[in-house]
């Protein structure tokens, strides 16, 4: 084990380190892209909900008003 750690083959150790570093960078990039997309989707859904809610209330109120008016006539 000590011979392995003191190996003079530093090129293979450097290559292994670069491969591990590339995987870490790739996984970090994927995680950032995932969280960025989910944040954007959540903001869009929240915005859409806020736009839809008053529209639905207005439609329900107008339907109720028309029902009351037609009942009175």
PDB file of N, CA and C in Angstrom:
ATOM      1  N   UNK A   1       0.825  -1.186   0.000  1.00  0.00           N
ATOM      2  CA  UNK A   1       0.000   0.000   0.000  1.00  0.00           C
ATOM      3  C   UNK A   1       0.865   1.244   0.000  1.00  0.00           C
ATOM      4  N   UNK A   2       1.955   1.238   0.799  1.00  0.00           N
ATOM      5  CA  UNK A   2       2.837   2.390   0.835  1.00  0.00           C
ATOM      6  C   UNK A   2       3.548   2.572  -0.498  1.00  0.00           C
ATOM      7  N   UNK A   3       3.833   1.450  -1.175  1.00  0.00           N
ATOM      8  CA  UNK A   3       4.484   1.550  -2.481  1.00  0.00           C
ATOM      9  C   UNK A   3       3.554   2.205  -3.496  1.00  0.00           C
ATOM     10  N   UNK A   4       2.265   1.938  -3.370  1.00  0.00           N
ATOM     11  CA  UNK A   4       1.305   2.541  -4.288  1.00  0.00           C
ATOM     12  C   UNK A   4       1.230   4.051  -4.090  1.00  0.00           C
ATOM     13  N   UNK A   5       1.245   4.475  -2.831  1.00  0.00           N
ATOM     14  CA  UNK A   5       1.166   5.901  -2.550  1.00  0.00           C
ATOM     15  C   UNK A   5       2.430   6.638  -2.973  1.00  0.00           C
ATOM     16  N   UNK A   6       3.559   5.958  -2.957  1.00  0.00           N
ATOM     17  CA  UNK A   6       4.828   6.566  -3.333  1.00  0.00           C
ATOM     18  C   UNK A   6       5.213   6.235  -4.764  1.00  0.00           C
ATOM     19  N   UNK A   7       4.259   5.837  -5.547  1.00  0.00           N
ATOM     20  CA  UNK A   7       4.526   5.438  -6.927  1.00  0.00           C
ATOM     21  C   UNK A   7       5.054   6.613  -7.725  1.00  0.00           C
ATOM     22  N   UNK A   8       5.949   6.326  -8.615  1.00  0.00           N
ATOM     23  CA  UNK A   8       6.508   7.385  -9.453  1.00  0.00           C
ATOM     24  C   UNK A   8       5.660   7.607 -10.699  1.00  0.00           C
ATOM     25  N   UNK A   9       4.575   6.867 -10.812  1.00  0.00           N
ATOM     26  CA  UNK A   9       3.695   6.991 -11.977  1.00  0.00           C
ATOM     27  C   UNK A   9       2.662   8.093 -11.700  1.00  0.00           C
ATOM     28  N   UNK A  10       3.118   9.324 -11.634  1.00  0.00           N
ATOM     29  CA  UNK A  10       2.231  10.434 -11.295  1.00  0.00           C
ATOM     30  C   UNK A  10       1.317  10.803 -12.450  1.00  0.00           C
ATOM     31  N   UNK A  11       1.652  10.385 -13.677  1.00  0.00           N
ATOM     32  CA  UNK A  11       0.791  10.686 -14.826  1.00  0.00           C
ATOM     33  C   UNK A  11      -0.548   9.969 -14.703  1.00  0.00           C
ATOM     34  N   UNK A  12      -0.538   8.724 -14.271  1.00  0.00           N
ATOM     35  CA  UNK A  12      -1.797   7.990 -14.120  1.00  0.00           C
ATOM     36  C   UNK A  12      -2.614   8.543 -12.960  1.00  0.00           C
ATOM     37  N   UNK A  13      -1.954   8.989 -11.897  1.00  0.00           N
ATOM     38  CA  UNK A  13      -2.668   9.611 -10.787  1.00  0.00           C
ATOM     39  C   UNK A  13      -3.278  10.935 -11.235  1.00  0.00           C
ATOM     40  N   UNK A  14      -2.550  11.676 -12.036  1.00  0.00           N
ATOM     41  CA  UNK A  14      -3.069  12.945 -12.548  1.00  0.00           C
ATOM     42  C   UNK A  14      -4.257  12.736 -13.465  1.00  0.00           C
ATOM     43  N   UNK A  15      -4.197  11.682 -14.292  1.00  0.00           N
ATOM     44  CA  UNK A  15      -5.314  11.386 -15.196  1.00  0.00           C
ATOM     45  C   UNK A  15      -6.555  10.982 -14.405  1.00  0.00           C
ATOM     46  N   UNK A  16      -6.363  10.177 -13.372  1.00  0.00           N
ATOM     47  CA  UNK A  16      -7.496   9.765 -12.540  1.00  0.00           C
ATOM     48  C   UNK A  16      -8.097  10.972 -11.825  1.00  0.00           C
ATOM     49  N   UNK A  17      -7.253  11.871 -11.374  1.00  0.00           N
ATOM     50  CA  UNK A  17      -7.733  13.072 -10.708  1.00  0.00           C
ATOM     51  C   UNK A  17      -8.530  13.954 -11.671  1.00  0.00           C
ATOM     52  N   UNK A  18      -8.072  14.067 -12.890  1.00  0.00           N
ATOM     53  CA  UNK A  18      -8.781  14.863 -13.895  1.00  0.00           C
ATOM     54  C   UNK A  18     -10.130  14.240 -14.242  1.00  0.00           C
ATOM     55  N   UNK A  19     -10.195  12.918 -14.316  1.00  0.00           N
ATOM     56  CA  UNK A  19     -11.465  12.241 -14.602  1.00  0.00           C
ATOM     57  C   UNK A  19     -12.457  12.472 -13.474  1.00  0.00           C
ATOM     58  N   UNK A  20     -11.998  12.342 -12.242  1.00  0.00           N
ATOM     59  CA  UNK A  20     -12.880  12.580 -11.092  1.00  0.00           C
ATOM     60  C   UNK A  20     -13.327  14.028 -11.071  1.00  0.00           C
ATOM     61  N   UNK A  21     -12.430  14.945 -11.344  1.00  0.00           N
ATOM     62  CA  UNK A  21     -12.768  16.358 -11.375  1.00  0.00           C
ATOM     63  C   UNK A  21     -13.792  16.647 -12.471  1.00  0.00           C
ATOM     64  N   UNK A  22     -13.654  16.015 -13.624  1.00  0.00           N
ATOM     65  CA  UNK A  22     -14.617  16.196 -14.720  1.00  0.00           C
ATOM     66  C   UNK A  22     -16.005  15.698 -14.309  1.00  0.00           C
ATOM     67  N   UNK A  23     -16.077  14.564 -13.620  1.00  0.00           N
ATOM     68  CA  UNK A  23     -17.365  14.052 -13.155  1.00  0.00           C
ATOM     69  C   UNK A  23     -18.000  14.984 -12.123  1.00  0.00           C
ATOM     70  N   UNK A  24     -17.190  15.523 -11.245  1.00  0.00           N
ATOM     71  CA  UNK A  24     -17.714  16.449 -10.233  1.00  0.00           C
ATOM     72  C   UNK A  24     -18.257  17.709 -10.908  1.00  0.00           C
ATOM     73  N   UNK A  25     -17.529  18.237 -11.875  1.00  0.00           N
ATOM     74  CA  UNK A  25     -17.986  19.423 -12.605  1.00  0.00           C
ATOM     75  C   UNK A  25     -19.272  19.110 -13.373  1.00  0.00           C
ATOM     76  N   UNK A  26     -19.345  17.950 -14.001  1.00  0.00           N
ATOM     77  CA  UNK A  26     -20.538  17.550 -14.747  1.00  0.00           C
ATOM     78  C   UNK A  26     -21.749  17.415 -13.817  1.00  0.00           C
ATOM     79  N   UNK A  27     -21.584  16.761 -12.697  1.00  0.00           N
ATOM     80  CA  UNK A  27     -22.684  16.604 -11.752  1.00  0.00           C
ATOM     81  C   UNK A  27     -23.118  17.945 -11.163  1.00  0.00           C
ATOM     82  N   UNK A  28     -22.161  18.827 -10.896  1.00  0.00           N
ATOM     83  CA  UNK A  28     -22.501  20.148 -10.383  1.00  0.00           C
ATOM     84  C   UNK A  28     -23.293  20.934 -11.420  1.00  0.00           C
ATOM     85  N   UNK A  29     -22.873  20.855 -12.680  1.00  0.00           N
ATOM     86  CA  UNK A  29     -23.600  21.531 -13.752  1.00  0.00           C
ATOM     87  C   UNK A  29     -25.016  21.007 -13.914  1.00  0.00           C
ATOM     88  N   UNK A  30     -25.182  19.697 -13.830  1.00  0.00           N
ATOM     89  CA  UNK A  30     -26.515  19.111 -13.919  1.00  0.00           C
ATOM     90  C   UNK A  30     -27.402  19.529 -12.751  1.00  0.00           C
ATOM     91  N   UNK A  31     -26.837  19.581 -11.558  1.00  0.00           N
ATOM     92  CA  UNK A  31     -27.609  19.997 -10.384  1.00  0.00           C
ATOM     93  C   UNK A  31     -28.035  21.456 -10.509  1.00  0.00           C
ATOM     94  N   UNK A  32     -27.147  22.310 -10.970  1.00  0.00           N
ATOM     95  CA  UNK A  32     -27.488  23.723 -11.142  1.00  0.00           C
ATOM     96  C   UNK A  32     -28.562  23.881 -12.210  1.00  0.00           C
ATOM     97  N   UNK A  33     -28.447  23.155 -13.309  1.00  0.00           N
ATOM     98  CA  UNK A  33     -29.451  23.234 -14.369  1.00  0.00           C
ATOM     99  C   UNK A  33     -30.814  22.744 -13.875  1.00  0.00           C
ATOM    100  N   UNK A  34     -30.824  21.670 -13.090  1.00  0.00           N
ATOM    101  CA  UNK A  34     -32.080  21.138 -12.560  1.00  0.00           C
ATOM    102  C   UNK A  34     -32.755  22.153 -11.642  1.00  0.00           C
ATOM    103  N   UNK A  35     -31.998  22.694 -10.699  1.00  0.00           N
ATOM    104  CA  UNK A  35     -32.591  23.644  -9.758  1.00  0.00           C
ATOM    105  C   UNK A  35     -32.999  24.936 -10.445  1.00  0.00           C
ATOM    106  N   UNK A  36     -32.265  25.341 -11.459  1.00  0.00           N
ATOM    107  CA  UNK A  36     -32.639  26.541 -12.210  1.00  0.00           C
ATOM    108  C   UNK A  36     -33.956  26.322 -12.929  1.00  0.00           C
ATOM    109  N   UNK A  37     -34.110  25.155 -13.550  1.00  0.00           N
ATOM    110  CA  UNK A  37     -35.346  24.868 -14.272  1.00  0.00           C
ATOM    111  C   UNK A  37     -36.540  24.744 -13.330  1.00  0.00           C
ATOM    112  N   UNK A  38     -36.354  24.071 -12.204  1.00  0.00           N
ATOM    113  CA  UNK A  38     -37.473  23.920 -11.281  1.00  0.00           C
ATOM    114  C   UNK A  38     -37.869  25.256 -10.669  1.00  0.00           C
ATOM    115  N   UNK A  39     -36.891  26.127 -10.427  1.00  0.00           N
ATOM    116  CA  UNK A  39     -37.208  27.454  -9.901  1.00  0.00           C
ATOM    117  C   UNK A  39     -38.000  28.256 -10.920  1.00  0.00           C
ATOM    118  N   UNK A  40     -37.588  28.194 -12.168  1.00  0.00           N
ATOM    119  CA  UNK A  40     -38.296  28.910 -13.229  1.00  0.00           C
ATOM    120  C   UNK A  40     -39.711  28.359 -13.403  1.00  0.00           C
ATOM    121  N   UNK A  41     -39.859  27.047 -13.403  1.00  0.00           N
ATOM    122  CA  UNK A  41     -41.184  26.433 -13.539  1.00  0.00           C
ATOM    123  C   UNK A  41     -42.087  26.809 -12.373  1.00  0.00           C
ATOM    124  N   UNK A  42     -41.521  26.857 -11.176  1.00  0.00           N
ATOM    125  CA  UNK A  42     -42.318  27.216 -10.003  1.00  0.00           C
ATOM    126  C   UNK A  42     -42.777  28.665 -10.087  1.00  0.00           C
ATOM    127  N   UNK A  43     -41.886  29.558 -10.525  1.00  0.00           N
ATOM    128  CA  UNK A  43     -42.268  30.957 -10.664  1.00  0.00           C
ATOM    129  C   UNK A  43     -43.345  31.123 -11.721  1.00  0.00           C
ATOM    130  N   UNK A  44     -43.222  30.389 -12.818  1.00  0.00           N
ATOM    131  CA  UNK A  44     -44.224  30.463 -13.883  1.00  0.00           C
ATOM    132  C   UNK A  44     -45.572  29.940 -13.399  1.00  0.00           C
ATOM    133  N   UNK A  45     -45.571  28.837 -12.679  1.00  0.00           N
ATOM    134  CA  UNK A  45     -46.824  28.280 -12.163  1.00  0.00           C
ATOM    135  C   UNK A  45     -47.467  29.226 -11.155  1.00  0.00           C
ATOM    136  N   UNK A  46     -46.660  29.831 -10.313  1.00  0.00           N
ATOM    137  CA  UNK A  46     -47.192  30.768  -9.320  1.00  0.00           C
ATOM    138  C   UNK A  46     -47.777  31.996 -10.015  1.00  0.00           C
ATOM    139  N   UNK A  47     -47.098  32.486 -11.033  1.00  0.00           N
ATOM    140  CA  UNK A  47     -47.595  33.639 -11.784  1.00  0.00           C
ATOM    141  C   UNK A  47     -48.894  33.298 -12.506  1.00  0.00           C
ATOM    142  N   UNK A  48     -48.939  32.120 -13.101  1.00  0.00           N
ATOM    143  CA  UNK A  48     -50.137  31.688 -13.801  1.00  0.00           C
ATOM    144  C   UNK A  48     -51.306  31.536 -12.834  1.00  0.00           C
ATOM    145  N   UNK A  49     -51.037  31.010 -11.645  1.00  0.00           N
ATOM    146  CA  UNK A  49     -52.087  30.861 -10.632  1.00  0.00           C
ATOM    147  C   UNK A  49     -52.623  32.227 -10.216  1.00  0.00           C
ATOM    148  N   UNK A  50     -51.726  33.176 -10.021  1.00  0.00           N
ATOM    149  CA  UNK A  50     -52.156  34.513  -9.612  1.00  0.00           C
ATOM    150  C   UNK A  50     -52.954  35.205 -10.711  1.00  0.00           C
ATOM    151  N   UNK A  51     -52.649  34.927 -11.973  1.00  0.00           N
ATOM    152  CA  UNK A  51     -53.413  35.515 -13.072  1.00  0.00           C
ATOM    153  C   UNK A  51     -54.770  34.844 -13.239  1.00  0.00           C
ATOM    154  N   UNK A  52     -54.848  33.555 -12.984  1.00  0.00           N
ATOM    155  CA  UNK A  52     -56.069  32.798 -13.209  1.00  0.00           C
ATOM    156  C   UNK A  52     -57.093  33.022 -12.104  1.00  0.00           C
ATOM    157  N   UNK A  53     -56.653  33.159 -10.891  1.00  0.00           N
ATOM    158  CA  UNK A  53     -57.564  33.266  -9.762  1.00  0.00           C
ATOM    159  C   UNK A  53     -58.531  34.453  -9.873  1.00  0.00           C
ATOM    160  N   UNK A  54     -58.082  35.669 -10.157  1.00  0.00           N
ATOM    161  CA  UNK A  54     -59.046  36.767 -10.307  1.00  0.00           C
ATOM    162  C   UNK A  54     -59.968  36.574 -11.506  1.00  0.00           C
ATOM    163  N   UNK A  55     -59.448  35.967 -12.567  1.00  0.00           N
ATOM    164  CA  UNK A  55     -60.274  35.727 -13.749  1.00  0.00           C
ATOM    165  C   UNK A  55     -61.413  34.769 -13.423  1.00  0.00           C
ATOM    166  N   UNK A  56     -61.115  33.715 -12.678  1.00  0.00           N
ATOM    167  CA  UNK A  56     -62.157  32.761 -12.295  1.00  0.00           C
ATOM    168  C   UNK A  56     -63.175  33.411 -11.364  1.00  0.00           C
ATOM    169  N   UNK A  57     -62.703  34.230 -10.440  1.00  0.00           N
ATOM    170  CA  UNK A  57     -63.626  34.920  -9.534  1.00  0.00           C
ATOM    171  C   UNK A  57     -64.533  35.876 -10.299  1.00  0.00           C
ATOM    172  N   UNK A  58     -63.955  36.571 -11.272  1.00  0.00           N
ATOM    173  CA  UNK A  58     -64.751  37.495 -12.079  1.00  0.00           C
ATOM    174  C   UNK A  58     -65.800  36.739 -12.886  1.00  0.00           C
ATOM    175  N   UNK A  59     -65.416  35.595 -13.461  1.00  0.00           N
ATOM    176  CA  UNK A  59     -66.369  34.804 -14.243  1.00  0.00           C
ATOM    177  C   UNK A  59     -67.496  34.271 -13.345  1.00  0.00           C
ATOM    178  N   UNK A  60     -67.159  33.821 -12.171  1.00  0.00           N
ATOM    179  CA  UNK A  60     -68.182  33.309 -11.249  1.00  0.00           C
ATOM    180  C   UNK A  60     -69.108  34.425 -10.800  1.00  0.00           C
ATOM    181  N   UNK A  61     -68.549  35.585 -10.542  1.00  0.00           N
ATOM    182  CA  UNK A  61     -69.382  36.705 -10.106  1.00  0.00           C
ATOM    183  C   UNK A  61     -70.318  37.161 -11.220  1.00  0.00           C
ATOM    184  N   UNK A  62     -69.811  37.211 -12.454  1.00  0.00           N
ATOM    185  CA  UNK A  62     -70.675  37.637 -13.556  1.00  0.00           C
ATOM    186  C   UNK A  62     -71.781  36.611 -13.803  1.00  0.00           C
ATOM    187  N   UNK A  63     -71.469  35.338 -13.662  1.00  0.00           N
ATOM    188  CA  UNK A  63     -72.481  34.295 -13.824  1.00  0.00           C
ATOM    189  C   UNK A  63     -73.544  34.418 -12.737  1.00  0.00           C
ATOM    190  N   UNK A  64     -73.107  34.678 -11.524  1.00  0.00           N
ATOM    191  CA  UNK A  64     -74.049  34.852 -10.429  1.00  0.00           C
ATOM    192  C   UNK A  64     -74.915  36.091 -10.640  1.00  0.00           C
ATOM    193  N   UNK A  65     -74.294  37.169 -11.107  1.00  0.00           N
ATOM    194  CA  UNK A  65     -75.046  38.395 -11.361  1.00  0.00           C
ATOM    195  C   UNK A  65     -76.080  38.199 -12.460  1.00  0.00           C
ATOM    196  N   UNK A  66     -75.706  37.485 -13.521  1.00  0.00           N
ATOM    197  CA  UNK A  66     -76.658  37.218 -14.601  1.00  0.00           C
ATOM    198  C   UNK A  66     -77.790  36.333 -14.120  1.00  0.00           C
ATOM    199  N   UNK A  67     -77.496  35.401 -13.243  1.00  0.00           N
ATOM    200  CA  UNK A  67     -78.542  34.552 -12.688  1.00  0.00           C
ATOM    201  C   UNK A  67     -79.520  35.340 -11.840  1.00  0.00           C
ATOM    202  N   UNK A  68     -78.999  36.265 -11.057  1.00  0.00           N
ATOM    203  CA  UNK A  68     -79.857  37.091 -10.210  1.00  0.00           C
ATOM    204  C   UNK A  68     -80.710  38.014 -11.086  1.00  0.00           C
ATOM    205  N   UNK A  69     -80.096  38.597 -12.103  1.00  0.00           N
ATOM    206  CA  UNK A  69     -80.836  39.500 -12.997  1.00  0.00           C
ATOM    207  C   UNK A  69     -81.920  38.750 -13.773  1.00  0.00           C
ATOM    208  N   UNK A  70     -81.609  37.579 -14.261  1.00  0.00           N
ATOM    209  CA  UNK A  70     -82.611  36.836 -15.018  1.00  0.00           C
ATOM    210  C   UNK A  70     -83.724  36.345 -14.095  1.00  0.00           C
ATOM    211  N   UNK A  71     -83.443  36.120 -12.850  1.00  0.00           N
ATOM    212  CA  UNK A  71     -84.455  35.704 -11.888  1.00  0.00           C
ATOM    213  C   UNK A  71     -85.411  36.854 -11.540  1.00  0.00           C
ATOM    214  N   UNK A  72     -84.861  38.071 -11.551  1.00  0.00           N
ATOM    215  CA  UNK A  72     -85.668  39.240 -11.223  1.00  0.00           C
ATOM    216  C   UNK A  72     -86.551  39.664 -12.404  1.00  0.00           C
ATOM    217  N   UNK A  73     -86.122  39.346 -13.596  1.00  0.00           N
ATOM    218  CA  UNK A  73     -86.898  39.753 -14.771  1.00  0.00           C
ATOM    219  C   UNK A  73     -87.973  38.745 -14.997  1.00  0.00           C
TER     220      UNK A  73
END
